[in-house]
Structures are given as structure tokens and as C-alpha cells.
Protein backbone atom coordinates (compact mmCIF):
# COMPACT_ATOMS: atom_id res chain seq x y z
CA MET A 1 -0.02 0.00 0.01
CA SER A 2 1.44 3.30 -1.07
CA ASP A 3 1.43 6.53 0.93
CA ALA A 4 -1.02 7.99 -1.47
CA ASP A 5 -3.58 5.23 -0.96
CA PRO A 6 -6.83 7.08 -0.21
CA ALA A 7 -8.12 4.39 2.18
CA HIS A 8 -4.91 4.60 4.14
CA ASP A 9 -4.97 8.33 4.31
CA ALA A 10 -8.63 8.35 5.42
CA SER A 11 -7.86 5.73 8.08
CA GLY A 12 -5.04 7.82 9.47
CA HIS A 13 -7.10 11.01 9.47
CA ARG A 14 -10.00 9.27 11.31
CA ALA A 15 -7.56 7.91 13.83
CA ARG A 16 -6.39 11.51 14.46
CA LEU A 17 -10.00 12.68 14.84
CA ARG A 18 -10.78 9.75 17.24
CA ALA A 19 -7.64 10.67 19.40
CA ARG A 20 -8.72 14.35 19.56
CA LEU A 21 -12.15 13.34 20.59
CA ALA A 22 -10.95 10.99 23.30
CA GLU A 23 -8.47 13.51 24.69
CA HIS A 24 -10.35 16.76 24.54
CA GLY A 25 -14.02 15.83 24.20
CA PRO A 26 -16.66 16.95 21.74
CA GLU A 27 -15.57 20.48 21.56
CA ALA A 28 -12.30 19.41 20.00
CA LEU A 29 -13.98 18.55 16.65
CA GLN A 30 -15.57 21.07 14.26
CA ASP A 31 -19.00 20.59 12.85
CA HIS A 32 -17.78 19.19 9.54
CA GLU A 33 -15.40 16.78 11.42
CA LEU A 34 -18.28 15.44 13.53
CA ILE A 35 -20.40 14.73 10.41
CA GLU A 36 -17.42 13.46 8.51
CA TYR A 37 -16.59 10.88 11.28
CA LEU A 38 -20.25 9.89 11.63
CA LEU A 39 -20.50 9.19 7.87
CA ALA A 40 -17.18 7.20 8.04
CA LEU A 41 -18.88 4.82 10.33
CA ALA A 42 -21.33 3.91 7.57
CA ILE A 43 -18.94 4.40 4.64
CA PRO A 44 -15.55 3.15 6.00
CA ARG A 45 -13.43 3.23 2.83
CA ARG A 46 -14.30 6.69 1.41
CA ASP A 47 -13.08 10.21 2.18
CA THR A 48 -16.18 11.53 3.81
CA LYS A 49 -14.93 15.09 4.36
CA PRO A 50 -16.29 16.55 1.09
CA MET A 51 -19.57 14.89 1.79
CA ALA A 52 -19.74 16.41 5.26
CA ARG A 53 -18.98 19.92 3.97
CA ARG A 54 -21.58 19.53 1.26
CA LEU A 55 -24.29 18.43 3.75
CA LEU A 56 -23.57 21.38 6.10
CA ALA A 57 -23.76 23.83 3.18
CA GLU A 58 -26.95 22.23 1.81
CA PHE A 59 -28.88 22.08 5.09
CA GLY A 60 -27.41 25.16 6.77
CA GLY A 61 -25.38 23.69 9.61
CA ILE A 62 -25.20 20.67 11.83
CA GLY A 63 -28.70 21.10 13.32
CA GLY A 64 -30.10 21.20 9.77
CA VAL A 65 -28.25 18.05 8.76
CA LEU A 66 -29.36 16.02 11.91
CA GLY A 67 -32.92 17.31 11.58
CA ALA A 68 -33.31 16.76 7.94
CA GLU A 69 -35.85 14.27 6.57
CA PRO A 70 -34.26 10.94 5.44
CA GLU A 71 -35.58 11.47 1.90
CA ALA A 72 -33.99 14.92 1.70
CA LEU A 73 -30.59 13.52 2.96
CA ALA A 74 -30.60 10.75 0.46
CA ARG A 75 -31.60 13.05 -2.47
CA LYS A 76 -29.67 16.21 -1.78
CA GLY A 77 -26.72 14.60 0.06
CA GLU A 78 -26.45 11.58 -2.30
CA LEU A 79 -26.23 9.34 0.75
CA SER A 80 -26.70 5.60 1.02
CA GLU A 81 -29.34 4.18 3.29
CA GLY A 82 -26.66 3.29 5.86
CA ALA A 83 -25.31 6.81 5.93
CA VAL A 84 -28.76 8.33 6.32
CA ALA A 85 -29.48 5.91 9.13
CA ALA A 86 -26.22 6.94 10.88
CA ILE A 87 -27.27 10.54 10.80
CA LYS A 88 -30.77 9.82 12.01
CA ILE A 89 -29.38 7.60 14.94
CA ALA A 90 -27.21 10.50 15.98
CA GLU A 91 -30.26 12.77 16.01
CA ALA A 92 -32.24 10.35 18.01
CA ALA A 93 -29.39 10.09 20.53
CA ALA A 94 -29.12 13.86 20.81
CA LEU A 95 -32.84 14.31 21.29
CA ARG A 96 -32.95 11.60 24.02
CA LEU A 97 -30.22 13.42 25.82
CA LEU A 98 -31.90 16.82 25.61
CA ARG A 99 -35.31 15.34 26.58
CA SER A 100 -33.76 13.66 29.67
CA ARG A 101 -32.79 17.20 30.90
CA VAL A 102 -36.51 18.13 30.78
CA ALA A 103 -38.13 15.01 32.10
CA GLU A 104 -39.00 14.61 35.76
CA ARG A 105 -38.31 18.20 36.75
CA PRO A 106 -40.56 21.33 36.77
CA VAL A 107 -40.60 22.60 33.23
CA LEU A 108 -40.83 26.22 34.16
CA SER A 109 -37.59 26.07 36.16
CA SER A 110 -35.83 24.14 33.31
CA TRP A 111 -37.05 26.56 30.56
CA GLN A 112 -33.70 26.77 28.76
CA ALA A 113 -33.37 22.97 28.68
CA LEU A 114 -36.92 22.79 27.20
CA LEU A 115 -35.98 25.39 24.50
CA ASP A 116 -32.84 23.49 23.57
CA TYR A 117 -34.89 20.28 23.21
CA LEU A 118 -37.60 21.91 21.15
CA ARG A 119 -35.18 23.75 18.90
CA ALA A 120 -33.18 20.54 18.23
CA ASP A 121 -36.40 18.69 17.38
CA MET A 122 -38.36 21.27 15.47
CA ALA A 123 -36.29 24.18 14.17
CA HIS A 124 -35.28 22.54 10.88
CA ARG A 125 -38.46 20.67 9.97
CA ALA A 126 -39.69 21.17 6.49
CA VAL A 127 -43.35 21.10 7.47
CA GLU A 128 -45.22 22.82 10.28
CA ARG A 129 -45.84 20.67 13.39
CA VAL A 130 -48.09 21.47 16.37
CA ARG A 131 -47.17 19.89 19.76
CA VAL A 132 -48.76 20.10 23.14
CA LEU A 133 -46.81 19.63 26.33
CA HIS A 134 -49.10 18.38 29.12
CA LEU A 135 -47.97 19.20 32.71
CA ASN A 136 -49.24 18.04 36.13
CA SER A 137 -49.82 20.19 39.25
CA LYS A 138 -46.05 20.35 39.86
CA ASN A 139 -45.46 21.55 36.26
CA ILE A 140 -43.66 18.35 35.50
CA LEU A 141 -44.12 16.98 31.98
CA ILE A 142 -46.53 14.07 31.72
CA ARG A 143 -46.98 13.85 27.95
CA ASP A 144 -45.33 15.45 24.89
CA GLU A 145 -47.78 14.97 21.99
CA LEU A 146 -47.61 15.77 18.25
CA VAL A 147 -51.18 16.83 17.47
CA SER A 148 -50.89 17.99 13.84
CA GLU A 149 -48.71 18.38 10.77
CA GLY A 150 -49.40 21.19 8.32
CA SER A 151 -51.43 24.33 8.67
CA ILE A 152 -53.00 25.46 12.05
CA ASP A 153 -55.62 27.56 10.52
CA GLN A 154 -58.46 25.26 11.59
CA ALA A 155 -58.35 26.62 15.13
CA ALA A 156 -61.78 25.42 16.33
CA VAL A 157 -60.94 21.75 15.63
CA TYR A 158 -57.67 22.05 17.50
CA VAL A 159 -59.27 23.78 20.48
CA ARG A 160 -61.70 20.99 21.04
CA GLU A 161 -59.12 18.19 20.55
CA ILE A 162 -56.50 19.85 22.76
CA ILE A 163 -58.92 20.47 25.63
CA ARG A 164 -60.49 17.03 25.39
CA ARG A 165 -56.99 15.46 25.52
CA ALA A 166 -55.97 17.56 28.47
CA ILE A 167 -59.10 16.41 30.33
CA ASP A 168 -58.34 12.73 29.43
CA LEU A 169 -54.80 13.04 30.73
CA GLY A 170 -55.67 15.06 33.86
CA SER A 171 -53.46 17.94 32.66
CA VAL A 172 -53.37 20.98 34.95
CA ALA A 173 -51.34 23.10 32.52
CA LEU A 174 -50.28 23.18 28.87
CA ILE A 175 -47.47 24.56 26.79
CA LEU A 176 -48.31 24.93 23.06
CA VAL A 177 -45.49 24.60 20.58
CA HIS A 178 -45.24 24.72 16.84
CA ASN A 179 -42.52 25.55 14.26
CA HIS A 180 -42.27 27.85 11.30
CA PRO A 181 -40.43 26.19 8.46
CA SER A 182 -39.83 29.68 6.93
CA GLY A 183 -37.15 30.26 9.56
CA ASP A 184 -38.95 33.35 11.04
CA PRO A 185 -40.49 32.69 14.52
CA THR A 186 -42.74 35.75 14.49
CA PRO A 187 -46.19 34.67 15.57
CA SER A 188 -48.96 34.94 12.95
CA ARG A 189 -52.47 36.26 13.51
CA GLN A 190 -53.72 32.62 13.39
CA ASP A 191 -51.11 31.64 16.06
CA ILE A 192 -52.32 34.44 18.35
CA ALA A 193 -56.04 33.73 17.77
CA LEU A 194 -55.60 29.98 18.37
CA THR A 195 -53.72 30.56 21.58
CA ARG A 196 -56.35 32.89 22.98
CA GLU A 197 -59.14 30.44 22.13
CA ILE A 198 -57.30 27.58 23.97
CA VAL A 199 -56.67 29.79 26.95
CA ALA A 200 -60.34 30.79 27.08
CA ALA A 201 -61.50 27.14 26.66
CA GLY A 202 -59.18 25.83 29.42
CA LYS A 203 -59.75 28.53 32.04
CA PRO A 204 -63.22 27.37 33.19
CA LEU A 205 -61.83 23.82 33.55
CA GLY A 206 -58.88 24.79 35.65
CA ILE A 207 -56.47 24.12 32.73
CA THR A 208 -53.71 26.89 32.40
CA VAL A 209 -51.90 27.62 29.24
CA HIS A 210 -48.38 28.68 30.39
CA ASP A 211 -47.17 29.71 26.89
CA HIS A 212 -47.23 29.17 23.19
CA VAL A 213 -43.70 28.93 21.79
CA VAL A 214 -42.89 29.30 18.13
CA ILE A 215 -39.71 27.54 17.05
CA ALA A 216 -37.84 28.46 13.85
CA GLY A 217 -34.34 28.36 12.35
CA GLU A 218 -33.76 31.99 13.34
CA GLY A 219 -34.70 31.46 16.95
CA HIS A 220 -37.90 31.23 18.98
CA ALA A 221 -40.82 33.47 20.04
CA SER A 222 -42.82 33.25 23.26
CA LEU A 223 -46.33 34.62 23.10
CA ARG A 224 -46.38 34.92 26.77
CA ALA A 225 -43.18 37.13 26.81
CA MET A 226 -44.53 39.15 23.92
CA GLY A 227 -47.75 39.90 25.85
CA LEU A 228 -49.94 38.19 23.23
CA MET A 229 -51.88 35.83 25.47
């Protein structure tokens, strides 16, 4: 095997990445190196650095790569099924870690941890998703449910479904969450109207709506903090 053998060069490069990771931890590797090494686990005999850089450029960063739909990764990134699976497994592990920082503790006192989890899970989605976080009397998360994909214009339908589900679960409080695929977290008129209807419907039943959070690539917006509910 010559010094110019690409497989040998890639193996040596990955060994150096592995050593840096072991010695200095995750911060020792740049985003493209993390994606590069992740892809190398599924494609062991190819130079995955160009692929990693292309993916980061295509999806706007490491969050966009991990959160991309499998079909988009395969099509735009020209990735094999195994490489796509490696990326989605990494995303699942990251979300489990972030979710564990929210579970079994009062959500309102772990607000930043909640936002980190929601941004990782929703900021880069290509379609709009609506979720409801159900809380008990201690504001501990008892259920995190995806209730819709697509538009949230049909507010009356969602109000009935959300309140009925809260009653079924014995929820004392709710946090509404949805994403804006456009990247702009500014609440729309429909977002505000829906929030106020759910607040009004829950109040006579003793169900409090703590907030409605809009997640997007450019950040997040809290309707509570903006005085819109």
C-alpha cells in the first residue's frame, strides 16, 4: 500500500480525529469533522470530508443536517441508506439526551433545557408541526404529543381536541409549541387567535396555558413574553 492510498489516508485521518475526541471531548472537533466521522462509520473506505462539507452547506449547519428528513438527505446529500441511518441515529441520541434534561423536573424552572430540546427537534423541520406539552400540578411533563402536521388555520378543531385530550390526561397546565419552516419565529395572527381560544376554553376547567412557543431556524418566540396571550 502506497502513501497515497486514499483508504490509508482516510484511516489515518480518522484515527487522529478519534484521538482528539478521546483526549479533549466533543468541543475538539468542528461541525464538519463530527459529520465526517459519523459518515465514516457507515462508509468506512471513502473520504467523507467533502460529503460532510456539502451536507452542512446544503442544510445550513449541523442542526439542519441532523434534523433533515431521510428522503432529503438521500436526495440532496447523495447518501446511502446506511449513511442516512447513521445521521438519524445521531439525531435520536441527541434528542434523547436533551429530553432527559427536561423530564421529571418542573418545566418552568428548566425553561432553557426545554427550549434546547424543542429547537433541536423542530427548528429545521420542512413542515409545520403542532405539539402540546401536558403538565401536572407540579409543572412536570407528563406527555409530549404531536397533534398535527401542516397548517394550524383550523383553530376550532384544534381547540376541541386539545382541551379534550388535556381532560383525558388530567393535565393541569399546557405549553403549546409549533414551528415555522420559513425560519422566522414571528407569531402569525392565526397563532395568536388559536392561543387565545385555547386559553379561554381551558380557564373554566382549571387548565392553564403557560405559553405558546414558536420555534424556527432563526430562533424562537414566546407569546407569553410578547404579551400576546
